[in-house]
Amino acid sequence: MSAQPTLHNGDSKQSIEDWRGATRVFLQPIAAPSILGLFGFAGATFMVAAHLAHWYGNNQSMTYIWPFAAVFGGVAQFSAALWAYRARDGLATAMHGMWGSFWMGFGILFLLNTVGALTVPTGKFVEFGYWFLVLGVITAAGAAASLGESLGLFTVLTTLAVGSGLVAIGYLTGVGGWLTAGGWVLLVSSWAATYVATALMMVSSFGRTVLPLGEHRRAANVPGGRPVRALEFEFGEPGVKQGQ
């Protein structure tokens, strides 16, 4: 028979039930930050990836894309990272924070190009290639960590890491075929992100699973089932839920 958990307070012992009854937690519930973060990421990535895949545009297209990429994929996604920090979601904080920062930097780069302060190279662009290499490696680490959350998020981050690697090779070598291939893979990542964000939004609206995300708990993947518990006590904070 296991012993009753206790808390020590000086020389006295207080039962866990008494401690739970005396604890007061001030809650500030927030919506799942990744709803905003993933939609912001998906929109910016889709627009740039479609251009890389030659779905539309020419060398001047970035002049019209960068303002929206900087705000939609940058500011919105970085804001989601800050809220994910409050939700104690380390993975979302890292991924949204990193990619949000990148899209803001992307916007600044092409703003300077637009006003003539510098000229962004066409074809081989080694410096940009190394940035995508860094993004790909960190995103791959995030993909490995996402296995602890859901297959949906793993799909988003895995295709994002692969696409970043292909784009990195394209900019490092100046071979357009790599950029085109990277654009197609990044398109898949944007579509997967749209699905995951929509699934999270549906859960927020209906309080039940509508679109399964491939979570570890089977019940969380059954349409109509409840994907999360309202309260958690594992971390010693009744009424506080960790993550999204």
C-alpha atoms as a PDB file:
ATOM      1  CA  MET A   1       0.000   0.000   0.000  1.00  0.00           C
ATOM      2  CA  SER A   2       1.475   3.341  -1.019  1.00  0.00           C
ATOM      3  CA  ALA A   3       1.958   6.045   1.557  1.00  0.00           C
ATOM      4  CA  GLN A   4      -0.261   9.134   1.548  1.00  0.00           C
ATOM      5  CA  PRO A   5       1.559  12.043  -0.180  1.00  0.00           C
ATOM      6  CA  THR A   6       2.414  14.763   2.270  1.00  0.00           C
ATOM      7  CA  LEU A   7       3.853  18.249   2.267  1.00  0.00           C
ATOM      8  CA  HIS A   8       6.305  19.442   4.893  1.00  0.00           C
ATOM      9  CA  ASN A   9       5.797  22.821   6.503  1.00  0.00           C
ATOM     10  CA  GLY A  10       8.425  23.317   9.198  1.00  0.00           C
ATOM     11  CA  ASP A  11       8.017  20.523  11.720  1.00  0.00           C
ATOM     12  CA  SER A  12       4.410  19.774  10.800  1.00  0.00           C
ATOM     13  CA  LYS A  13       2.966  17.641   8.009  1.00  0.00           C
ATOM     14  CA  GLN A  14      -0.033  18.641   5.990  1.00  0.00           C
ATOM     15  CA  SER A  15      -2.036  16.156   3.922  1.00  0.00           C
ATOM     16  CA  ILE A  16      -2.259  16.701   0.199  1.00  0.00           C
ATOM     17  CA  GLU A  17      -6.022  17.168   0.499  1.00  0.00           C
ATOM     18  CA  ASP A  18      -5.601  20.010   3.003  1.00  0.00           C
ATOM     19  CA  TRP A  19      -2.942  21.589   0.837  1.00  0.00           C
ATOM     20  CA  ARG A  20      -5.175  21.352  -2.208  1.00  0.00           C
ATOM     21  CA  GLY A  21      -8.055  22.969  -0.357  1.00  0.00           C
ATOM     22  CA  ALA A  22      -5.883  25.835   0.853  1.00  0.00           C
ATOM     23  CA  THR A  23      -4.259  26.551  -2.505  1.00  0.00           C
ATOM     24  CA  ARG A  24      -5.505  29.510  -4.500  1.00  0.00           C
ATOM     25  CA  VAL A  25      -4.603  29.898  -8.158  1.00  0.00           C
ATOM     26  CA  PHE A  26      -5.309  33.048 -10.170  1.00  0.00           C
ATOM     27  CA  LEU A  27      -6.128  31.899 -13.712  1.00  0.00           C
ATOM     28  CA  GLN A  28      -5.874  33.912 -16.915  1.00  0.00           C
ATOM     29  CA  PRO A  29      -7.086  31.477 -19.564  1.00  0.00           C
ATOM     30  CA  ILE A  30      -5.837  32.072 -23.106  1.00  0.00           C
ATOM     31  CA  ALA A  31      -6.715  30.453 -26.406  1.00  0.00           C
ATOM     32  CA  ALA A  32      -4.221  27.999 -27.855  1.00  0.00           C
ATOM     33  CA  PRO A  33      -1.477  30.322 -29.206  1.00  0.00           C
ATOM     34  CA  SER A  34      -0.597  27.919 -32.018  1.00  0.00           C
ATOM     35  CA  ILE A  35      -3.937  28.644 -33.707  1.00  0.00           C
ATOM     36  CA  LEU A  36      -2.648  32.106 -34.571  1.00  0.00           C
ATOM     37  CA  GLY A  37       0.969  30.977 -34.934  1.00  0.00           C
ATOM     38  CA  LEU A  38       0.259  28.159 -37.376  1.00  0.00           C
ATOM     39  CA  PHE A  39      -2.143  30.202 -39.489  1.00  0.00           C
ATOM     40  CA  GLY A  40       0.413  33.023 -39.665  1.00  0.00           C
ATOM     41  CA  PHE A  41       3.157  30.593 -40.579  1.00  0.00           C
ATOM     42  CA  ALA A  42       0.978  28.812 -43.146  1.00  0.00           C
ATOM     43  CA  GLY A  43       0.002  32.024 -44.923  1.00  0.00           C
ATOM     44  CA  ALA A  44       3.493  33.482 -45.213  1.00  0.00           C
ATOM     45  CA  THR A  45       5.072  30.150 -46.124  1.00  0.00           C
ATOM     46  CA  PHE A  46       2.452  29.410 -48.769  1.00  0.00           C
ATOM     47  CA  MET A  47       2.948  32.737 -50.529  1.00  0.00           C
ATOM     48  CA  VAL A  48       6.746  32.533 -50.619  1.00  0.00           C
ATOM     49  CA  ALA A  49       6.824  28.792 -51.379  1.00  0.00           C
ATOM     50  CA  ALA A  50       4.353  29.193 -54.249  1.00  0.00           C
ATOM     51  CA  HIS A  51       6.669  31.828 -55.706  1.00  0.00           C
ATOM     52  CA  LEU A  52       9.688  29.508 -55.312  1.00  0.00           C
ATOM     53  CA  ALA A  53       7.720  26.714 -57.003  1.00  0.00           C
ATOM     54  CA  HIS A  54       6.983  29.086 -59.943  1.00  0.00           C
ATOM     55  CA  TRP A  55       3.247  29.141 -59.419  1.00  0.00           C
ATOM     56  CA  TYR A  56       3.213  32.880 -60.046  1.00  0.00           C
ATOM     57  CA  GLY A  57       5.282  36.044 -60.264  1.00  0.00           C
ATOM     58  CA  ASN A  58       8.753  37.153 -61.298  1.00  0.00           C
ATOM     59  CA  ASN A  59      11.834  38.664 -59.668  1.00  0.00           C
ATOM     60  CA  GLN A  60       9.819  41.713 -58.587  1.00  0.00           C
ATOM     61  CA  SER A  61       7.167  39.691 -56.743  1.00  0.00           C
ATOM     62  CA  MET A  62       8.897  39.968 -53.365  1.00  0.00           C
ATOM     63  CA  THR A  63       8.254  43.712 -53.482  1.00  0.00           C
ATOM     64  CA  TYR A  64       4.572  42.940 -52.978  1.00  0.00           C
ATOM     65  CA  ILE A  65       4.965  39.888 -50.741  1.00  0.00           C
ATOM     66  CA  TRP A  66       7.319  41.065 -48.002  1.00  0.00           C
ATOM     67  CA  PRO A  67       4.986  43.475 -46.130  1.00  0.00           C
ATOM     68  CA  PHE A  68       2.420  40.728 -45.602  1.00  0.00           C
ATOM     69  CA  ALA A  69       5.040  38.065 -44.841  1.00  0.00           C
ATOM     70  CA  ALA A  70       6.615  40.326 -42.209  1.00  0.00           C
ATOM     71  CA  VAL A  71       3.319  41.047 -40.457  1.00  0.00           C
ATOM     72  CA  PHE A  72       1.315  37.875 -41.086  1.00  0.00           C
ATOM     73  CA  GLY A  73       4.146  35.390 -40.652  1.00  0.00           C
ATOM     74  CA  GLY A  74       6.392  37.572 -38.512  1.00  0.00           C
ATOM     75  CA  VAL A  75       4.566  39.782 -36.039  1.00  0.00           C
ATOM     76  CA  ALA A  76       1.530  37.505 -35.657  1.00  0.00           C
ATOM     77  CA  GLN A  77       3.610  34.374 -35.240  1.00  0.00           C
ATOM     78  CA  PHE A  78       6.086  35.956 -32.838  1.00  0.00           C
ATOM     79  CA  SER A  79       3.154  37.196 -30.746  1.00  0.00           C
ATOM     80  CA  ALA A  80       1.912  33.597 -30.644  1.00  0.00           C
ATOM     81  CA  ALA A  81       5.334  32.568 -29.358  1.00  0.00           C
ATOM     82  CA  LEU A  82       5.028  34.968 -26.429  1.00  0.00           C
ATOM     83  CA  TRP A  83       1.598  33.599 -25.548  1.00  0.00           C
ATOM     84  CA  ALA A  84       2.895  30.037 -25.943  1.00  0.00           C
ATOM     85  CA  TYR A  85       5.524  30.945 -23.350  1.00  0.00           C
ATOM     86  CA  ARG A  86       2.725  31.846 -20.956  1.00  0.00           C
ATOM     87  CA  ALA A  87       1.052  28.541 -21.771  1.00  0.00           C
ATOM     88  CA  ARG A  88       4.333  26.815 -20.805  1.00  0.00           C
ATOM     89  CA  ASP A  89       4.607  25.212 -24.244  1.00  0.00           C
ATOM     90  CA  GLY A  90       8.351  25.110 -24.914  1.00  0.00           C
ATOM     91  CA  LEU A  91       8.042  23.629 -28.409  1.00  0.00           C
ATOM     92  CA  ALA A  92       5.552  26.241 -29.637  1.00  0.00           C
ATOM     93  CA  THR A  93       7.592  29.020 -28.030  1.00  0.00           C
ATOM     94  CA  ALA A  94      10.724  27.895 -29.861  1.00  0.00           C
ATOM     95  CA  MET A  95       9.192  27.216 -33.270  1.00  0.00           C
ATOM     96  CA  HIS A  96       6.893  30.250 -33.470  1.00  0.00           C
ATOM     97  CA  GLY A  97       9.540  32.493 -31.948  1.00  0.00           C
ATOM     98  CA  MET A  98      12.222  31.356 -34.377  1.00  0.00           C
ATOM     99  CA  TRP A  99      10.097  31.455 -37.522  1.00  0.00           C
ATOM    100  CA  GLY A 100       8.328  34.643 -36.473  1.00  0.00           C
ATOM    101  CA  SER A 101      11.701  36.319 -36.063  1.00  0.00           C
ATOM    102  CA  PHE A 102      12.828  35.011 -39.439  1.00  0.00           C
ATOM    103  CA  TRP A 103       9.790  36.388 -41.255  1.00  0.00           C
ATOM    104  CA  MET A 104      10.279  39.787 -39.664  1.00  0.00           C
ATOM    105  CA  GLY A 105      13.935  39.713 -40.762  1.00  0.00           C
ATOM    106  CA  PHE A 106      12.770  38.597 -44.217  1.00  0.00           C
ATOM    107  CA  GLY A 107      10.542  41.654 -44.387  1.00  0.00           C
ATOM    108  CA  ILE A 108      13.332  44.009 -43.325  1.00  0.00           C
ATOM    109  CA  LEU A 109      15.690  42.523 -45.933  1.00  0.00           C
ATOM    110  CA  PHE A 110      13.278  43.028 -48.803  1.00  0.00           C
ATOM    111  CA  LEU A 111      12.241  46.448 -47.508  1.00  0.00           C
ATOM    112  CA  LEU A 112      15.874  47.535 -47.829  1.00  0.00           C
ATOM    113  CA  ASN A 113      15.955  45.992 -51.284  1.00  0.00           C
ATOM    114  CA  THR A 114      12.765  47.797 -52.287  1.00  0.00           C
ATOM    115  CA  VAL A 115      14.034  51.232 -51.235  1.00  0.00           C
ATOM    116  CA  GLY A 116      17.383  50.625 -52.953  1.00  0.00           C
ATOM    117  CA  ALA A 117      19.494  50.481 -49.792  1.00  0.00           C
ATOM    118  CA  LEU A 118      20.852  47.104 -50.926  1.00  0.00           C
ATOM    119  CA  THR A 119      20.343  44.617 -53.723  1.00  0.00           C
ATOM    120  CA  VAL A 120      19.198  41.073 -53.000  1.00  0.00           C
ATOM    121  CA  PRO A 121      21.115  38.700 -55.297  1.00  0.00           C
ATOM    122  CA  THR A 122      19.296  36.536 -57.800  1.00  0.00           C
ATOM    123  CA  GLY A 123      20.418  32.938 -58.062  1.00  0.00           C
ATOM    124  CA  LYS A 124      23.269  32.094 -55.725  1.00  0.00           C
ATOM    125  CA  PHE A 125      22.813  33.767 -52.330  1.00  0.00           C
ATOM    126  CA  VAL A 126      25.166  32.052 -49.879  1.00  0.00           C
ATOM    127  CA  GLU A 127      24.275  34.152 -46.831  1.00  0.00           C
ATOM    128  CA  PHE A 128      20.564  33.414 -47.245  1.00  0.00           C
ATOM    129  CA  GLY A 129      21.395  29.754 -47.828  1.00  0.00           C
ATOM    130  CA  TYR A 130      23.155  29.495 -44.476  1.00  0.00           C
ATOM    131  CA  TRP A 131      20.169  31.074 -42.751  1.00  0.00           C
ATOM    132  CA  PHE A 132      17.871  28.425 -44.200  1.00  0.00           C
ATOM    133  CA  LEU A 133      20.386  25.788 -43.148  1.00  0.00           C
ATOM    134  CA  VAL A 134      20.192  27.044 -39.553  1.00  0.00           C
ATOM    135  CA  LEU A 135      16.395  27.146 -39.715  1.00  0.00           C
ATOM    136  CA  GLY A 136      16.282  23.607 -41.076  1.00  0.00           C
ATOM    137  CA  VAL A 137      18.484  22.173 -38.314  1.00  0.00           C
ATOM    138  CA  ILE A 138      16.549  23.847 -35.488  1.00  0.00           C
ATOM    139  CA  THR A 139      13.223  22.893 -37.054  1.00  0.00           C
ATOM    140  CA  ALA A 140      14.398  19.279 -37.290  1.00  0.00           C
ATOM    141  CA  ALA A 141      15.069  19.370 -33.555  1.00  0.00           C
ATOM    142  CA  GLY A 142      11.554  20.701 -33.067  1.00  0.00           C
ATOM    143  CA  ALA A 143      10.161  17.915 -35.260  1.00  0.00           C
ATOM    144  CA  ALA A 144      11.811  15.326 -33.019  1.00  0.00           C
ATOM    145  CA  ALA A 145      10.313  17.009 -29.946  1.00  0.00           C
ATOM    146  CA  SER A 146       6.873  17.183 -31.581  1.00  0.00           C
ATOM    147  CA  LEU A 147       6.632  13.386 -31.498  1.00  0.00           C
ATOM    148  CA  GLY A 148       5.687  13.908 -27.863  1.00  0.00           C
ATOM    149  CA  GLU A 149       2.623  15.927 -28.942  1.00  0.00           C
ATOM    150  CA  SER A 150       0.997  14.817 -32.194  1.00  0.00           C
ATOM    151  CA  LEU A 151       1.652  13.379 -35.634  1.00  0.00           C
ATOM    152  CA  GLY A 152      -0.010  16.434 -37.157  1.00  0.00           C
ATOM    153  CA  LEU A 153       2.562  18.790 -35.707  1.00  0.00           C
ATOM    154  CA  PHE A 154       5.336  16.324 -36.565  1.00  0.00           C
ATOM    155  CA  THR A 155       4.219  16.448 -40.217  1.00  0.00           C
ATOM    156  CA  VAL A 156       4.309  20.260 -40.235  1.00  0.00           C
ATOM    157  CA  LEU A 157       7.788  20.495 -38.755  1.00  0.00           C
ATOM    158  CA  THR A 158       9.310  17.589 -40.670  1.00  0.00           C
ATOM    159  CA  THR A 159       8.266  18.910 -44.081  1.00  0.00           C
ATOM    160  CA  LEU A 160       9.330  22.398 -42.966  1.00  0.00           C
ATOM    161  CA  ALA A 161      12.799  21.129 -42.002  1.00  0.00           C
ATOM    162  CA  VAL A 162      13.193  19.224 -45.284  1.00  0.00           C
ATOM    163  CA  GLY A 163      11.941  22.162 -47.347  1.00  0.00           C
ATOM    164  CA  SER A 164      14.309  24.534 -45.553  1.00  0.00           C
ATOM    165  CA  GLY A 165      17.198  22.186 -46.295  1.00  0.00           C
ATOM    166  CA  LEU A 166      16.348  22.069 -49.995  1.00  0.00           C
ATOM    167  CA  VAL A 167      16.032  25.844 -50.191  1.00  0.00           C
ATOM    168  CA  ALA A 168      19.347  26.175 -48.354  1.00  0.00           C
ATOM    169  CA  ILE A 169      21.052  23.986 -50.964  1.00  0.00           C
ATOM    170  CA  GLY A 170      19.428  26.027 -53.721  1.00  0.00           C
ATOM    171  CA  TYR A 171      20.745  29.328 -52.393  1.00  0.00           C
ATOM    172  CA  LEU A 172      24.161  27.901 -51.550  1.00  0.00           C
ATOM    173  CA  THR A 173      24.657  26.423 -55.026  1.00  0.00           C
ATOM    174  CA  GLY A 174      22.596  28.777 -57.138  1.00  0.00           C
ATOM    175  CA  VAL A 175      20.817  25.821 -58.773  1.00  0.00           C
ATOM    176  CA  GLY A 176      17.188  26.781 -59.298  1.00  0.00           C
ATOM    177  CA  GLY A 177      15.930  23.196 -59.263  1.00  0.00           C
ATOM    178  CA  TRP A 178      16.694  22.917 -55.543  1.00  0.00           C
ATOM    179  CA  LEU A 179      14.715  26.078 -54.856  1.00  0.00           C
ATOM    180  CA  THR A 180      11.763  24.761 -56.846  1.00  0.00           C
ATOM    181  CA  ALA A 181      11.843  21.434 -55.002  1.00  0.00           C
ATOM    182  CA  GLY A 182      12.111  23.254 -51.677  1.00  0.00           C
ATOM    183  CA  GLY A 183       9.154  25.415 -52.622  1.00  0.00           C
ATOM    184  CA  TRP A 184       6.987  22.347 -53.251  1.00  0.00           C
ATOM    185  CA  VAL A 185       7.920  20.747 -49.933  1.00  0.00           C
ATOM    186  CA  LEU A 186       7.273  24.019 -48.090  1.00  0.00           C
ATOM    187  CA  LEU A 187       3.854  24.159 -49.735  1.00  0.00           C
ATOM    188  CA  VAL A 188       3.071  20.793 -48.165  1.00  0.00           C
ATOM    189  CA  SER A 189       4.211  22.150 -44.804  1.00  0.00           C
ATOM    190  CA  SER A 190       1.902  25.170 -45.158  1.00  0.00           C
ATOM    191  CA  TRP A 191      -1.050  22.899 -45.980  1.00  0.00           C
ATOM    192  CA  ALA A 192      -0.301  20.675 -43.000  1.00  0.00           C
ATOM    193  CA  ALA A 193      -0.045  23.754 -40.759  1.00  0.00           C
ATOM    194  CA  THR A 194      -3.437  24.940 -42.004  1.00  0.00           C
ATOM    195  CA  TYR A 195      -4.966  21.574 -41.093  1.00  0.00           C
ATOM    196  CA  VAL A 196      -3.424  21.531 -37.595  1.00  0.00           C
ATOM    197  CA  ALA A 197      -4.444  25.135 -36.885  1.00  0.00           C
ATOM    198  CA  THR A 198      -7.979  24.409 -38.093  1.00  0.00           C
ATOM    199  CA  ALA A 199      -8.163  21.326 -35.862  1.00  0.00           C
ATOM    200  CA  LEU A 200      -7.054  23.372 -32.838  1.00  0.00           C
ATOM    201  CA  MET A 201      -9.582  26.081 -33.682  1.00  0.00           C
ATOM    202  CA  MET A 202     -12.373  23.498 -33.954  1.00  0.00           C
ATOM    203  CA  VAL A 203     -11.490  22.132 -30.528  1.00  0.00           C
ATOM    204  CA  SER A 204     -11.625  25.659 -29.139  1.00  0.00           C
ATOM    205  CA  SER A 205     -15.035  26.298 -30.716  1.00  0.00           C
ATOM    206  CA  PHE A 206     -16.767  22.981 -30.073  1.00  0.00           C
ATOM    207  CA  GLY A 207     -14.877  21.727 -27.041  1.00  0.00           C
ATOM    208  CA  ARG A 208     -14.509  18.360 -28.737  1.00  0.00           C
ATOM    209  CA  THR A 209     -12.335  16.758 -31.401  1.00  0.00           C
ATOM    210  CA  VAL A 210     -13.528  17.436 -34.944  1.00  0.00           C
ATOM    211  CA  LEU A 211     -10.321  16.881 -36.946  1.00  0.00           C
ATOM    212  CA  PRO A 212      -7.921  14.318 -35.420  1.00  0.00           C
ATOM    213  CA  LEU A 213      -4.297  15.354 -34.923  1.00  0.00           C
ATOM    214  CA  GLY A 214      -2.755  11.957 -34.270  1.00  0.00           C
ATOM    215  CA  GLU A 215      -2.208  12.465 -30.553  1.00  0.00           C
ATOM    216  CA  HIS A 216      -0.914   9.680 -28.320  1.00  0.00           C
ATOM    217  CA  ARG A 217      -4.180   9.253 -26.457  1.00  0.00           C
ATOM    218  CA  ARG A 218      -6.598   7.380 -28.695  1.00  0.00           C
ATOM    219  CA  ALA A 219      -9.601   9.191 -27.210  1.00  0.00           C
ATOM    220  CA  ALA A 220      -8.182  12.533 -28.362  1.00  0.00           C
ATOM    221  CA  ASN A 221      -8.366  11.393 -32.000  1.00  0.00           C
ATOM    222  CA  VAL A 222     -12.003  10.284 -31.980  1.00  0.00           C
ATOM    223  CA  PRO A 223     -14.327  12.878 -33.540  1.00  0.00           C
ATOM    224  CA  GLY A 224     -16.737  14.016 -30.864  1.00  0.00           C
ATOM    225  CA  GLY A 225     -14.408  13.012 -28.029  1.00  0.00           C
ATOM    226  CA  ARG A 226     -12.818  15.388 -25.544  1.00  0.00           C
ATOM    227  CA  PRO A 227      -9.156  15.880 -26.515  1.00  0.00           C
ATOM    228  CA  VAL A 228      -7.946  17.356 -23.211  1.00  0.00           C
ATOM    229  CA  ARG A 229      -8.776  17.282 -19.535  1.00  0.00           C
ATOM    230  CA  ALA A 230      -9.986  20.508 -18.008  1.00  0.00           C
ATOM    231  CA  LEU A 231      -7.789  20.268 -14.917  1.00  0.00           C
ATOM    232  CA  GLU A 232      -4.333  18.891 -14.240  1.00  0.00           C
ATOM    233  CA  PHE A 233      -2.676  18.172 -10.918  1.00  0.00           C
ATOM    234  CA  GLU A 234       0.562  16.468 -11.965  1.00  0.00           C
ATOM    235  CA  PHE A 235       2.557  19.670 -11.551  1.00  0.00           C
ATOM    236  CA  GLY A 236       1.119  20.517  -8.136  1.00  0.00           C
ATOM    237  CA  GLU A 237      -1.081  23.330  -9.444  1.00  0.00           C
ATOM    238  CA  PRO A 238      -4.783  22.472  -9.357  1.00  0.00           C
ATOM    239  CA  GLY A 239      -6.720  24.229 -12.104  1.00  0.00           C
ATOM    240  CA  VAL A 240      -3.654  24.878 -14.223  1.00  0.00           C
ATOM    241  CA  LYS A 241      -3.188  23.110 -17.528  1.00  0.00           C
ATOM    242  CA  GLN A 242       0.241  22.921 -19.126  1.00  0.00           C
ATOM    243  CA  GLY A 243       0.589  23.485 -22.857  1.00  0.00           C
ATOM    244  CA  GLN A 244      -2.142  23.877 -25.467  1.00  0.00           C
END
